């Protein structure tokens, strides 16, 4: 059987799963038991819905903590417009922390 010379298309999903697993490991080390780390989540902002690559939330001492992670698996540095778009989404979502994860 011949191997295909067609390169695999990088849709970024493998990197999103990797980032999700890293944060699951880190939070497990912190002994947080009520944290839910998800991939590919749709959140409703004030003006529209936003797709979030990796998302988690937990409650500690009665305070709800939410974090959104934008993942970019690019071979080149991420353009400023991508980071600005993520910042805009975070602003629209409200009280949420943001992390931008990139290989470059």
PDB file of N, CA and C in Angstrom:
ATOM      1  N   UNK A   1       0.839  -1.165   0.000  1.00  0.00           N
ATOM      2  CA  UNK A   1       0.000   0.000   0.000  1.00  0.00           C
ATOM      3  C   UNK A   1       0.892   1.239   0.000  1.00  0.00           C
ATOM      4  N   UNK A   2       0.625   2.164  -0.933  1.00  0.00           N
ATOM      5  CA  UNK A   2       1.407   3.385  -1.033  1.00  0.00           C
ATOM      6  C   UNK A   2       0.895   4.451  -0.083  1.00  0.00           C
ATOM      7  N   UNK A   3       1.830   5.215   0.465  1.00  0.00           N
ATOM      8  CA  UNK A   3       1.448   6.352   1.292  1.00  0.00           C
ATOM      9  C   UNK A   3       1.138   7.536   0.395  1.00  0.00           C
ATOM     10  N   UNK A   4       0.178   8.303   0.789  1.00  0.00           N
ATOM     11  CA  UNK A   4      -0.195   9.484   0.027  1.00  0.00           C
ATOM     12  C   UNK A   4       0.825  10.585   0.264  1.00  0.00           C
ATOM     13  N   UNK A   5       1.156  11.304  -0.799  1.00  0.00           N
ATOM     14  CA  UNK A   5       2.062  12.454  -0.683  1.00  0.00           C
ATOM     15  C   UNK A   5       1.308  13.731  -0.365  1.00  0.00           C
ATOM     16  N   UNK A   6      -0.002  13.629  -0.247  1.00  0.00           N
ATOM     17  CA  UNK A   6      -0.812  14.792   0.080  1.00  0.00           C
ATOM     18  C   UNK A   6      -0.617  15.137   1.548  1.00  0.00           C
ATOM     19  N   UNK A   7      -0.170  16.368   1.827  1.00  0.00           N
ATOM     20  CA  UNK A   7       0.036  16.735   3.241  1.00  0.00           C
ATOM     21  C   UNK A   7      -1.291  16.803   3.990  1.00  0.00           C
ATOM     22  N   UNK A   8      -1.221  16.457   5.266  1.00  0.00           N
ATOM     23  CA  UNK A   8      -2.398  16.535   6.127  1.00  0.00           C
ATOM     24  C   UNK A   8      -2.758  17.997   6.341  1.00  0.00           C
ATOM     25  N   UNK A   9      -4.024  18.315   6.195  1.00  0.00           N
ATOM     26  CA  UNK A   9      -4.499  19.681   6.415  1.00  0.00           C
ATOM     27  C   UNK A   9      -4.561  19.929   7.921  1.00  0.00           C
ATOM     28  N   UNK A  10      -3.970  21.025   8.359  1.00  0.00           N
ATOM     29  CA  UNK A  10      -3.967  21.379   9.770  1.00  0.00           C
ATOM     30  C   UNK A  10      -5.169  22.266  10.053  1.00  0.00           C
ATOM     31  N   UNK A  11      -6.186  21.698  10.682  1.00  0.00           N
ATOM     32  CA  UNK A  11      -7.363  22.500  11.028  1.00  0.00           C
ATOM     33  C   UNK A  11      -7.294  23.025  12.456  1.00  0.00           C
ATOM     34  N   UNK A  12      -6.191  22.752  13.158  1.00  0.00           N
ATOM     35  CA  UNK A  12      -5.992  23.266  14.504  1.00  0.00           C
ATOM     36  C   UNK A  12      -6.621  22.451  15.611  1.00  0.00           C
ATOM     37  N   UNK A  13      -7.433  21.458  15.279  1.00  0.00           N
ATOM     38  CA  UNK A  13      -8.151  20.683  16.304  1.00  0.00           C
ATOM     39  C   UNK A  13      -7.195  19.894  17.193  1.00  0.00           C
ATOM     40  N   UNK A  14      -6.134  19.324  16.613  1.00  0.00           N
ATOM     41  CA  UNK A  14      -5.170  18.579  17.424  1.00  0.00           C
ATOM     42  C   UNK A  14      -4.532  19.485  18.476  1.00  0.00           C
ATOM     43  N   UNK A  15      -4.216  20.719  18.095  1.00  0.00           N
ATOM     44  CA  UNK A  15      -3.616  21.663  19.032  1.00  0.00           C
ATOM     45  C   UNK A  15      -4.613  22.060  20.120  1.00  0.00           C
ATOM     46  N   UNK A  16      -5.878  22.233  19.758  1.00  0.00           N
ATOM     47  CA  UNK A  16      -6.913  22.546  20.745  1.00  0.00           C
ATOM     48  C   UNK A  16      -7.039  21.434  21.774  1.00  0.00           C
ATOM     49  N   UNK A  17      -7.018  20.190  21.322  1.00  0.00           N
ATOM     50  CA  UNK A  17      -7.094  19.044  22.244  1.00  0.00           C
ATOM     51  C   UNK A  17      -5.866  19.031  23.144  1.00  0.00           C
ATOM     52  N   UNK A  18      -4.685  19.309  22.574  1.00  0.00           N
ATOM     53  CA  UNK A  18      -3.458  19.364  23.361  1.00  0.00           C
ATOM     54  C   UNK A  18      -3.558  20.416  24.466  1.00  0.00           C
ATOM     55  N   UNK A  19      -4.010  21.621  24.120  1.00  0.00           N
ATOM     56  CA  UNK A  19      -4.147  22.706  25.107  1.00  0.00           C
ATOM     57  C   UNK A  19      -5.158  22.315  26.181  1.00  0.00           C
ATOM     58  N   UNK A  20      -6.274  21.723  25.775  1.00  0.00           N
ATOM     59  CA  UNK A  20      -7.283  21.274  26.729  1.00  0.00           C
ATOM     60  C   UNK A  20      -6.678  20.275  27.712  1.00  0.00           C
ATOM     61  N   UNK A  21      -5.911  19.320  27.222  1.00  0.00           N
ATOM     62  CA  UNK A  21      -5.302  18.310  28.083  1.00  0.00           C
ATOM     63  C   UNK A  21      -4.275  18.921  29.040  1.00  0.00           C
ATOM     64  N   UNK A  22      -3.522  19.906  28.569  1.00  0.00           N
ATOM     65  CA  UNK A  22      -2.546  20.584  29.433  1.00  0.00           C
ATOM     66  C   UNK A  22      -3.261  21.229  30.613  1.00  0.00           C
ATOM     67  N   UNK A  23      -4.352  21.938  30.350  1.00  0.00           N
ATOM     68  CA  UNK A  23      -5.065  22.612  31.442  1.00  0.00           C
ATOM     69  C   UNK A  23      -5.778  21.623  32.354  1.00  0.00           C
ATOM     70  N   UNK A  24      -6.249  20.520  31.817  1.00  0.00           N
ATOM     71  CA  UNK A  24      -6.838  19.482  32.677  1.00  0.00           C
ATOM     72  C   UNK A  24      -5.785  18.961  33.644  1.00  0.00           C
ATOM     73  N   UNK A  25      -4.580  18.732  33.150  1.00  0.00           N
ATOM     74  CA  UNK A  25      -3.490  18.249  33.995  1.00  0.00           C
ATOM     75  C   UNK A  25      -3.128  19.276  35.063  1.00  0.00           C
ATOM     76  N   UNK A  26      -3.014  20.537  34.668  1.00  0.00           N
ATOM     77  CA  UNK A  26      -2.640  21.585  35.625  1.00  0.00           C
ATOM     78  C   UNK A  26      -3.677  21.742  36.726  1.00  0.00           C
ATOM     79  N   UNK A  27      -4.955  21.737  36.346  1.00  0.00           N
ATOM     80  CA  UNK A  27      -5.991  21.889  37.359  1.00  0.00           C
ATOM     81  C   UNK A  27      -6.140  20.650  38.227  1.00  0.00           C
ATOM     82  N   UNK A  28      -5.863  19.474  37.691  1.00  0.00           N
ATOM     83  CA  UNK A  28      -5.880  18.260  38.508  1.00  0.00           C
ATOM     84  C   UNK A  28      -4.785  18.346  39.571  1.00  0.00           C
ATOM     85  N   UNK A  29      -3.649  18.920  39.216  1.00  0.00           N
ATOM     86  CA  UNK A  29      -2.555  19.080  40.175  1.00  0.00           C
ATOM     87  C   UNK A  29      -2.929  20.054  41.286  1.00  0.00           C
ATOM     88  N   UNK A  30      -3.850  20.954  41.014  1.00  0.00           N
ATOM     89  CA  UNK A  30      -4.316  21.917  42.011  1.00  0.00           C
ATOM     90  C   UNK A  30      -5.451  21.356  42.864  1.00  0.00           C
ATOM     91  N   UNK A  31      -5.866  20.130  42.569  1.00  0.00           N
ATOM     92  CA  UNK A  31      -6.950  19.458  43.293  1.00  0.00           C
ATOM     93  C   UNK A  31      -8.291  20.177  43.185  1.00  0.00           C
ATOM     94  N   UNK A  32      -8.549  20.824  42.058  1.00  0.00           N
ATOM     95  CA  UNK A  32      -9.866  21.410  41.818  1.00  0.00           C
ATOM     96  C   UNK A  32     -10.774  20.300  41.310  1.00  0.00           C
ATOM     97  N   UNK A  33     -11.845  20.057  42.021  1.00  0.00           N
ATOM     98  CA  UNK A  33     -12.704  18.926  41.669  1.00  0.00           C
ATOM     99  C   UNK A  33     -13.947  19.333  40.902  1.00  0.00           C
ATOM    100  N   UNK A  34     -14.334  20.592  40.966  1.00  0.00           N
ATOM    101  CA  UNK A  34     -15.577  21.001  40.309  1.00  0.00           C
ATOM    102  C   UNK A  34     -15.333  21.767  39.014  1.00  0.00           C
ATOM    103  N   UNK A  35     -14.162  21.576  38.408  1.00  0.00           N
ATOM    104  CA  UNK A  35     -13.847  22.290  37.173  1.00  0.00           C
ATOM    105  C   UNK A  35     -14.271  21.455  35.969  1.00  0.00           C
ATOM    106  N   UNK A  36     -14.806  22.129  34.984  1.00  0.00           N
ATOM    107  CA  UNK A  36     -15.241  21.482  33.752  1.00  0.00           C
ATOM    108  C   UNK A  36     -14.505  22.144  32.596  1.00  0.00           C
ATOM    109  N   UNK A  37     -13.562  21.424  31.976  1.00  0.00           N
ATOM    110  CA  UNK A  37     -12.772  21.959  30.871  1.00  0.00           C
ATOM    111  C   UNK A  37     -13.317  21.356  29.582  1.00  0.00           C
ATOM    112  N   UNK A  38     -13.781  22.230  28.686  1.00  0.00           N
ATOM    113  CA  UNK A  38     -14.429  21.785  27.460  1.00  0.00           C
ATOM    114  C   UNK A  38     -13.708  22.337  26.233  1.00  0.00           C
ATOM    115  N   UNK A  39     -13.965  21.705  25.103  1.00  0.00           N
ATOM    116  CA  UNK A  39     -13.414  22.159  23.827  1.00  0.00           C
ATOM    117  C   UNK A  39     -14.561  22.537  22.900  1.00  0.00           C
ATOM    118  N   UNK A  40     -14.343  23.566  22.077  1.00  0.00           N
ATOM    119  CA  UNK A  40     -15.287  24.006  21.060  1.00  0.00           C
ATOM    120  C   UNK A  40     -16.651  24.350  21.668  1.00  0.00           C
ATOM    121  N   UNK A  41     -16.672  25.403  22.450  1.00  0.00           N
ATOM    122  CA  UNK A  41     -17.865  25.829  23.177  1.00  0.00           C
ATOM    123  C   UNK A  41     -18.409  27.105  22.538  1.00  0.00           C
ATOM    124  N   UNK A  42     -19.727  27.222  22.478  1.00  0.00           N
ATOM    125  CA  UNK A  42     -20.380  28.434  22.009  1.00  0.00           C
ATOM    126  C   UNK A  42     -20.923  29.173  23.232  1.00  0.00           C
ATOM    127  N   UNK A  43     -20.492  30.430  23.416  1.00  0.00           N
ATOM    128  CA  UNK A  43     -20.949  31.255  24.532  1.00  0.00           C
ATOM    129  C   UNK A  43     -21.689  32.468  23.992  1.00  0.00           C
ATOM    130  N   UNK A  44     -22.763  32.841  24.659  1.00  0.00           N
ATOM    131  CA  UNK A  44     -23.546  34.015  24.272  1.00  0.00           C
ATOM    132  C   UNK A  44     -22.958  35.256  24.910  1.00  0.00           C
ATOM    133  N   UNK A  45     -22.563  36.202  24.088  1.00  0.00           N
ATOM    134  CA  UNK A  45     -22.092  37.490  24.570  1.00  0.00           C
ATOM    135  C   UNK A  45     -23.234  38.481  24.626  1.00  0.00           C
ATOM    136  N   UNK A  46     -22.926  39.738  24.866  1.00  0.00           N
ATOM    137  CA  UNK A  46     -23.950  40.779  24.891  1.00  0.00           C
ATOM    138  C   UNK A  46     -24.541  41.034  23.512  1.00  0.00           C
ATOM    139  N   UNK A  47     -23.709  40.907  22.465  1.00  0.00           N
ATOM    140  CA  UNK A  47     -24.187  41.231  21.123  1.00  0.00           C
ATOM    141  C   UNK A  47     -24.338  40.017  20.205  1.00  0.00           C
ATOM    142  N   UNK A  48     -23.598  38.938  20.477  1.00  0.00           N
ATOM    143  CA  UNK A  48     -23.673  37.768  19.606  1.00  0.00           C
ATOM    144  C   UNK A  48     -23.029  36.565  20.278  1.00  0.00           C
ATOM    145  N   UNK A  49     -23.101  35.407  19.606  1.00  0.00           N
ATOM    146  CA  UNK A  49     -22.473  34.182  20.105  1.00  0.00           C
ATOM    147  C   UNK A  49     -21.019  34.141  19.644  1.00  0.00           C
ATOM    148  N   UNK A  50     -20.177  33.490  20.488  1.00  0.00           N
ATOM    149  CA  UNK A  50     -18.754  33.369  20.190  1.00  0.00           C
ATOM    150  C   UNK A  50     -18.328  31.916  20.334  1.00  0.00           C
ATOM    151  N   UNK A  51     -17.535  31.438  19.373  1.00  0.00           N
ATOM    152  CA  UNK A  51     -16.975  30.098  19.447  1.00  0.00           C
ATOM    153  C   UNK A  51     -15.664  30.190  20.217  1.00  0.00           C
ATOM    154  N   UNK A  52     -15.542  29.362  21.256  1.00  0.00           N
ATOM    155  CA  UNK A  52     -14.356  29.350  22.107  1.00  0.00           C
ATOM    156  C   UNK A  52     -13.676  27.991  21.949  1.00  0.00           C
ATOM    157  N   UNK A  53     -12.365  27.997  21.689  1.00  0.00           N
ATOM    158  CA  UNK A  53     -11.635  26.750  21.450  1.00  0.00           C
ATOM    159  C   UNK A  53     -11.580  25.867  22.692  1.00  0.00           C
ATOM    160  N   UNK A  54     -11.140  26.429  23.809  1.00  0.00           N
ATOM    161  CA  UNK A  54     -11.089  25.704  25.086  1.00  0.00           C
ATOM    162  C   UNK A  54     -11.679  26.631  26.142  1.00  0.00           C
ATOM    163  N   UNK A  55     -12.544  26.080  26.987  1.00  0.00           N
ATOM    164  CA  UNK A  55     -13.250  26.886  27.992  1.00  0.00           C
ATOM    165  C   UNK A  55     -13.340  26.098  29.285  1.00  0.00           C
ATOM    166  N   UNK A  56     -13.186  26.799  30.401  1.00  0.00           N
ATOM    167  CA  UNK A  56     -13.444  26.163  31.685  1.00  0.00           C
ATOM    168  C   UNK A  56     -14.057  27.153  32.647  1.00  0.00           C
ATOM    169  N   UNK A  57     -14.737  26.577  33.611  1.00  0.00           N
ATOM    170  CA  UNK A  57     -15.292  27.379  34.700  1.00  0.00           C
ATOM    171  C   UNK A  57     -15.300  26.548  35.970  1.00  0.00           C
ATOM    172  N   UNK A  58     -15.220  27.253  37.073  1.00  0.00           N
ATOM    173  CA  UNK A  58     -15.333  26.621  38.385  1.00  0.00           C
ATOM    174  C   UNK A  58     -15.738  27.685  39.385  1.00  0.00           C
ATOM    175  N   UNK A  59     -16.210  27.243  40.532  1.00  0.00           N
ATOM    176  CA  UNK A  59     -16.596  28.152  41.605  1.00  0.00           C
ATOM    177  C   UNK A  59     -15.693  27.876  42.800  1.00  0.00           C
ATOM    178  N   UNK A  60     -15.156  28.952  43.354  1.00  0.00           N
ATOM    179  CA  UNK A  60     -14.303  28.837  44.542  1.00  0.00           C
ATOM    180  C   UNK A  60     -14.714  29.948  45.498  1.00  0.00           C
ATOM    181  N   UNK A  61     -15.031  29.561  46.713  1.00  0.00           N
ATOM    182  CA  UNK A  61     -15.449  30.501  47.754  1.00  0.00           C
ATOM    183  C   UNK A  61     -16.626  31.358  47.284  1.00  0.00           C
ATOM    184  N   UNK A  62     -17.526  30.736  46.545  1.00  0.00           N
ATOM    185  CA  UNK A  62     -18.721  31.415  46.089  1.00  0.00           C
ATOM    186  C   UNK A  62     -18.540  32.320  44.883  1.00  0.00           C
ATOM    187  N   UNK A  63     -17.339  32.332  44.296  1.00  0.00           N
ATOM    188  CA  UNK A  63     -17.057  33.173  43.130  1.00  0.00           C
ATOM    189  C   UNK A  63     -16.891  32.268  41.913  1.00  0.00           C
ATOM    190  N   UNK A  64     -17.598  32.601  40.831  1.00  0.00           N
ATOM    191  CA  UNK A  64     -17.516  31.832  39.595  1.00  0.00           C
ATOM    192  C   UNK A  64     -16.375  32.372  38.736  1.00  0.00           C
ATOM    193  N   UNK A  65     -15.469  31.499  38.335  1.00  0.00           N
ATOM    194  CA  UNK A  65     -14.338  31.856  37.491  1.00  0.00           C
ATOM    195  C   UNK A  65     -14.539  31.222  36.115  1.00  0.00           C
ATOM    196  N   UNK A  66     -14.382  32.029  35.060  1.00  0.00           N
ATOM    197  CA  UNK A  66     -14.521  31.555  33.688  1.00  0.00           C
ATOM    198  C   UNK A  66     -13.269  31.940  32.903  1.00  0.00           C
ATOM    199  N   UNK A  67     -12.799  31.030  32.070  1.00  0.00           N
ATOM    200  CA  UNK A  67     -11.634  31.301  31.236  1.00  0.00           C
ATOM    201  C   UNK A  67     -11.879  30.773  29.835  1.00  0.00           C
ATOM    202  N   UNK A  68     -11.558  31.596  28.840  1.00  0.00           N
ATOM    203  CA  UNK A  68     -11.637  31.212  27.436  1.00  0.00           C
ATOM    204  C   UNK A  68     -10.232  31.181  26.866  1.00  0.00           C
ATOM    205  N   UNK A  69      -9.931  30.150  26.076  1.00  0.00           N
ATOM    206  CA  UNK A  69      -8.618  30.024  25.446  1.00  0.00           C
ATOM    207  C   UNK A  69      -8.808  30.005  23.930  1.00  0.00           C
ATOM    208  N   UNK A  70      -8.091  30.866  23.250  1.00  0.00           N
ATOM    209  CA  UNK A  70      -8.063  30.877  21.788  1.00  0.00           C
ATOM    210  C   UNK A  70      -6.781  30.183  21.364  1.00  0.00           C
ATOM    211  N   UNK A  71      -6.881  29.157  20.535  1.00  0.00           N
ATOM    212  CA  UNK A  71      -5.731  28.367  20.101  1.00  0.00           C
ATOM    213  C   UNK A  71      -5.439  28.641  18.633  1.00  0.00           C
ATOM    214  N   UNK A  72      -4.170  28.890  18.329  1.00  0.00           N
ATOM    215  CA  UNK A  72      -3.750  29.084  16.945  1.00  0.00           C
ATOM    216  C   UNK A  72      -2.520  28.213  16.693  1.00  0.00           C
ATOM    217  N   UNK A  73      -2.662  27.264  15.810  1.00  0.00           N
ATOM    218  CA  UNK A  73      -1.573  26.352  15.457  1.00  0.00           C
ATOM    219  C   UNK A  73      -1.017  26.774  14.105  1.00  0.00           C
ATOM    220  N   UNK A  74      -0.363  27.930  14.079  1.00  0.00           N
ATOM    221  CA  UNK A  74       0.170  28.493  12.840  1.00  0.00           C
ATOM    222  C   UNK A  74       1.675  28.256  12.754  1.00  0.00           C
ATOM    223  N   UNK A  75       2.185  28.179  11.538  1.00  0.00           N
ATOM    224  CA  UNK A  75       3.622  28.044  11.318  1.00  0.00           C
ATOM    225  C   UNK A  75       4.313  29.411  11.347  1.00  0.00           C
ATOM    226  N   UNK A  76       3.518  30.470  11.385  1.00  0.00           N
ATOM    227  CA  UNK A  76       4.046  31.830  11.418  1.00  0.00           C
ATOM    228  C   UNK A  76       3.436  32.562  12.617  1.00  0.00           C
ATOM    229  N   UNK A  77       4.035  33.666  13.027  1.00  0.00           N
ATOM    230  CA  UNK A  77       3.455  34.419  14.152  1.00  0.00           C
ATOM    231  C   UNK A  77       2.013  34.833  13.870  1.00  0.00           C
ATOM    232  N   UNK A  78       1.221  34.873  14.922  1.00  0.00           N
ATOM    233  CA  UNK A  78      -0.192  35.245  14.819  1.00  0.00           C
ATOM    234  C   UNK A  78      -0.304  36.734  14.521  1.00  0.00           C
ATOM    235  N   UNK A  79      -1.204  37.069  13.596  1.00  0.00           N
ATOM    236  CA  UNK A  79      -1.415  38.459  13.236  1.00  0.00           C
ATOM    237  C   UNK A  79      -2.105  39.200  14.393  1.00  0.00           C
ATOM    238  N   UNK A  80      -1.811  40.476  14.527  1.00  0.00           N
ATOM    239  CA  UNK A  80      -2.404  41.298  15.579  1.00  0.00           C
ATOM    240  C   UNK A  80      -3.922  41.300  15.495  1.00  0.00           C
ATOM    241  N   UNK A  81      -4.469  41.214  14.286  1.00  0.00           N
ATOM    242  CA  UNK A  81      -5.924  41.228  14.103  1.00  0.00           C
ATOM    243  C   UNK A  81      -6.597  40.050  14.798  1.00  0.00           C
ATOM    244  N   UNK A  82      -5.934  38.892  14.825  1.00  0.00           N
ATOM    245  CA  UNK A  82      -6.501  37.705  15.493  1.00  0.00           C
ATOM    246  C   UNK A  82      -6.575  37.933  17.001  1.00  0.00           C
ATOM    247  N   UNK A  83      -5.539  38.535  17.549  1.00  0.00           N
ATOM    248  CA  UNK A  83      -5.509  38.812  18.989  1.00  0.00           C
ATOM    249  C   UNK A  83      -6.533  39.886  19.340  1.00  0.00           C
ATOM    250  N   UNK A  84      -6.646  40.901  18.496  1.00  0.00           N
ATOM    251  CA  UNK A  84      -7.630  41.953  18.720  1.00  0.00           C
ATOM    252  C   UNK A  84      -9.053  41.411  18.632  1.00  0.00           C
ATOM    253  N   UNK A  85      -9.309  40.496  17.709  1.00  0.00           N
ATOM    254  CA  UNK A  85     -10.639  39.889  17.587  1.00  0.00           C
ATOM    255  C   UNK A  85     -10.982  39.093  18.838  1.00  0.00           C
ATOM    256  N   UNK A  86      -9.994  38.383  19.398  1.00  0.00           N
ATOM    257  CA  UNK A  86     -10.218  37.625  20.634  1.00  0.00           C
ATOM    258  C   UNK A  86     -10.505  38.573  21.796  1.00  0.00           C
ATOM    259  N   UNK A  87      -9.758  39.670  21.881  1.00  0.00           N
ATOM    260  CA  UNK A  87      -9.988  40.665  22.940  1.00  0.00           C
ATOM    261  C   UNK A  87     -11.387  41.256  22.818  1.00  0.00           C
ATOM    262  N   UNK A  88     -11.841  41.484  21.610  1.00  0.00           N
ATOM    263  CA  UNK A  88     -13.189  42.003  21.388  1.00  0.00           C
ATOM    264  C   UNK A  88     -14.236  40.997  21.848  1.00  0.00           C
ATOM    265  N   UNK A  89     -14.016  39.719  21.548  1.00  0.00           N
ATOM    266  CA  UNK A  89     -14.951  38.674  21.989  1.00  0.00           C
ATOM    267  C   UNK A  89     -15.000  38.613  23.509  1.00  0.00           C
ATOM    268  N   UNK A  90     -13.842  38.692  24.167  1.00  0.00           N
ATOM    269  CA  UNK A  90     -13.810  38.669  25.632  1.00  0.00           C
ATOM    270  C   UNK A  90     -14.583  39.852  26.210  1.00  0.00           C
ATOM    271  N   UNK A  91     -14.418  41.005  25.614  1.00  0.00           N
ATOM    272  CA  UNK A  91     -15.144  42.195  26.071  1.00  0.00           C
ATOM    273  C   UNK A  91     -16.655  41.981  25.923  1.00  0.00           C
ATOM    274  N   UNK A  92     -17.074  41.405  24.800  1.00  0.00           N
ATOM    275  CA  UNK A  92     -18.499  41.160  24.569  1.00  0.00           C
ATOM    276  C   UNK A  92     -19.043  40.111  25.539  1.00  0.00           C
ATOM    277  N   UNK A  93     -18.221  39.133  25.903  1.00  0.00           N
ATOM    278  CA  UNK A  93     -18.672  38.085  26.823  1.00  0.00           C
ATOM    279  C   UNK A  93     -18.788  38.590  28.257  1.00  0.00           C
ATOM    280  N   UNK A  94     -18.006  39.593  28.609  1.00  0.00           N
ATOM    281  CA  UNK A  94     -18.116  40.152  29.955  1.00  0.00           C
ATOM    282  C   UNK A  94     -17.067  39.620  30.898  1.00  0.00           C
ATOM    283  N   UNK A  95     -17.467  39.200  32.080  1.00  0.00           N
ATOM    284  CA  UNK A  95     -16.557  38.820  33.160  1.00  0.00           C
ATOM    285  C   UNK A  95     -15.923  37.458  32.898  1.00  0.00           C
ATOM    286  N   UNK A  96     -14.912  37.441  32.023  1.00  0.00           N
ATOM    287  CA  UNK A  96     -14.234  36.204  31.647  1.00  0.00           C
ATOM    288  C   UNK A  96     -12.762  36.512  31.396  1.00  0.00           C
ATOM    289  N   UNK A  97     -11.925  35.584  31.794  1.00  0.00           N
ATOM    290  CA  UNK A  97     -10.482  35.730  31.544  1.00  0.00           C
ATOM    291  C   UNK A  97     -10.153  35.108  30.196  1.00  0.00           C
ATOM    292  N   UNK A  98      -9.093  35.601  29.570  1.00  0.00           N
ATOM    293  CA  UNK A  98      -8.707  35.070  28.277  1.00  0.00           C
ATOM    294  C   UNK A  98      -7.242  34.664  28.229  1.00  0.00           C
ATOM    295  N   UNK A  99      -6.985  33.584  27.508  1.00  0.00           N
ATOM    296  CA  UNK A  99      -5.622  33.113  27.264  1.00  0.00           C
ATOM    297  C   UNK A  99      -5.516  32.866  25.761  1.00  0.00           C
ATOM    298  N   UNK A 100      -4.434  33.352  25.163  1.00  0.00           N
ATOM    299  CA  UNK A 100      -4.190  33.126  23.746  1.00  0.00           C
ATOM    300  C   UNK A 100      -3.027  32.140  23.659  1.00  0.00           C
ATOM    301  N   UNK A 101      -3.281  30.942  23.133  1.00  0.00           N
ATOM    302  CA  UNK A 101      -2.257  29.900  23.028  1.00  0.00           C
ATOM    303  C   UNK A 101      -1.851  29.738  21.575  1.00  0.00           C
ATOM    304  N   UNK A 102      -0.538  29.815  21.320  1.00  0.00           N
ATOM    305  CA  UNK A 102      -0.035  29.705  19.956  1.00  0.00           C
ATOM    306  C   UNK A 102       1.311  28.998  19.973  1.00  0.00           C
ATOM    307  N   UNK A 103       1.595  28.275  18.908  1.00  0.00           N
ATOM    308  CA  UNK A 103       2.908  27.630  18.785  1.00  0.00           C
ATOM    309  C   UNK A 103       3.990  28.645  18.429  1.00  0.00           C
ATOM    310  N   UNK A 104       3.624  29.687  17.733  1.00  0.00           N
ATOM    311  CA  UNK A 104       4.595  30.707  17.299  1.00  0.00           C
ATOM    312  C   UNK A 104       4.480  31.944  18.156  1.00  0.00           C
TER     313      UNK A 104
END
